[in-house]
């Protein structure tokens, strides 16, 4: 099951900045913060390297610029593409902030020593379970692993109890995934952290025999809906996003949550961090505080991306299974090893 990665290119997009600063109404700078919040007087411009959903980050940028007057330039790309670029640029990177869909790319930049410490404000916004133990970056959103299945081909009593079950010969040619994507590779990273290298290699070898490969989670969902395969491993929001539109690629589909601290219950954290080399660290810190704060998380809650909120005590979209009910395994995001995952998946013939 070999899939060729598509070419990835960063696209520079400039966000329109509002003129002037929003009046602060005489408020004082909060105590015990390392840098100004979005409500404090920051100015100038920042560049954000963005691998998160472009629509969501654009919404954050527009509101932040409206409130502060800070001009934000977005450079869009994919997780690993952007992390590799930042590492290559080193302390000369024009990026002030890096935002990803999955945490392994954040860990890659962190391991290169390129992130500044989080401010107290950001740490107060986001609970410890959605931050790496190092506090070099933070979660800004989250997504759950699910097994989507065709309701006409599988009944609940026939569903896999664990992600590991999909390695069994009885699942040959019955399920699919998108192994070349950062989403699935993040899931494998969690499997590696939870099960160890030997078990992960064994599981990936079985996946090569059992699973059908697709380009993207959306393609997996569509194949399940059409009955081409009985089930697939993707993230939860693809189903909800399609249902919010026409449902044409998901009306025959249901989502199965593995729960029980299974590797298949992994909740992947979308990360955000400020680069040490930022030329406008005050504004960069303020932007990260904004997207993890009440207003930024409320935009995530009411948006069309259907990702989980992680900050400021803001509840997720009420259509989603609550995070507390997912029974996700505990995984320290700073330990997810994208390099080893790539090696193991390549060895198994999946990349």
Foldseek 3Di string as FASTA:
>chain_A
DADDDDDKAKDKAKADADPDADDLPPDDADPQWPFGALSDAAEEEFEEEEQPPPVLVSVLQNVSRNHHVYIYMYIYIHLQVVLVVCLVCDLVDRHFKYWHPFLQSVLSNVVSVWFDAAIPLLPQWFDPLQAFPVRRWGFLFKWWKWKKFQCVVDDPVRDDLAPLCCLDPVQAQAEAEAVVGPQVLRLLLLVCVVPNDVSSLSSLLSCLGRYDHDHDPLVRLQCRHVVSHGIYIGIDQSQVLCVVPPCPSPPRMDIHQNAPQGSSGAMGGTIMGGTPSHPRNNSSSNSSSSCSADVNQVCQQPDSRQTAGRTHPDGHPPVDDGPVPSNHHRDRSSSRHSVVSVVSNVVSNHD
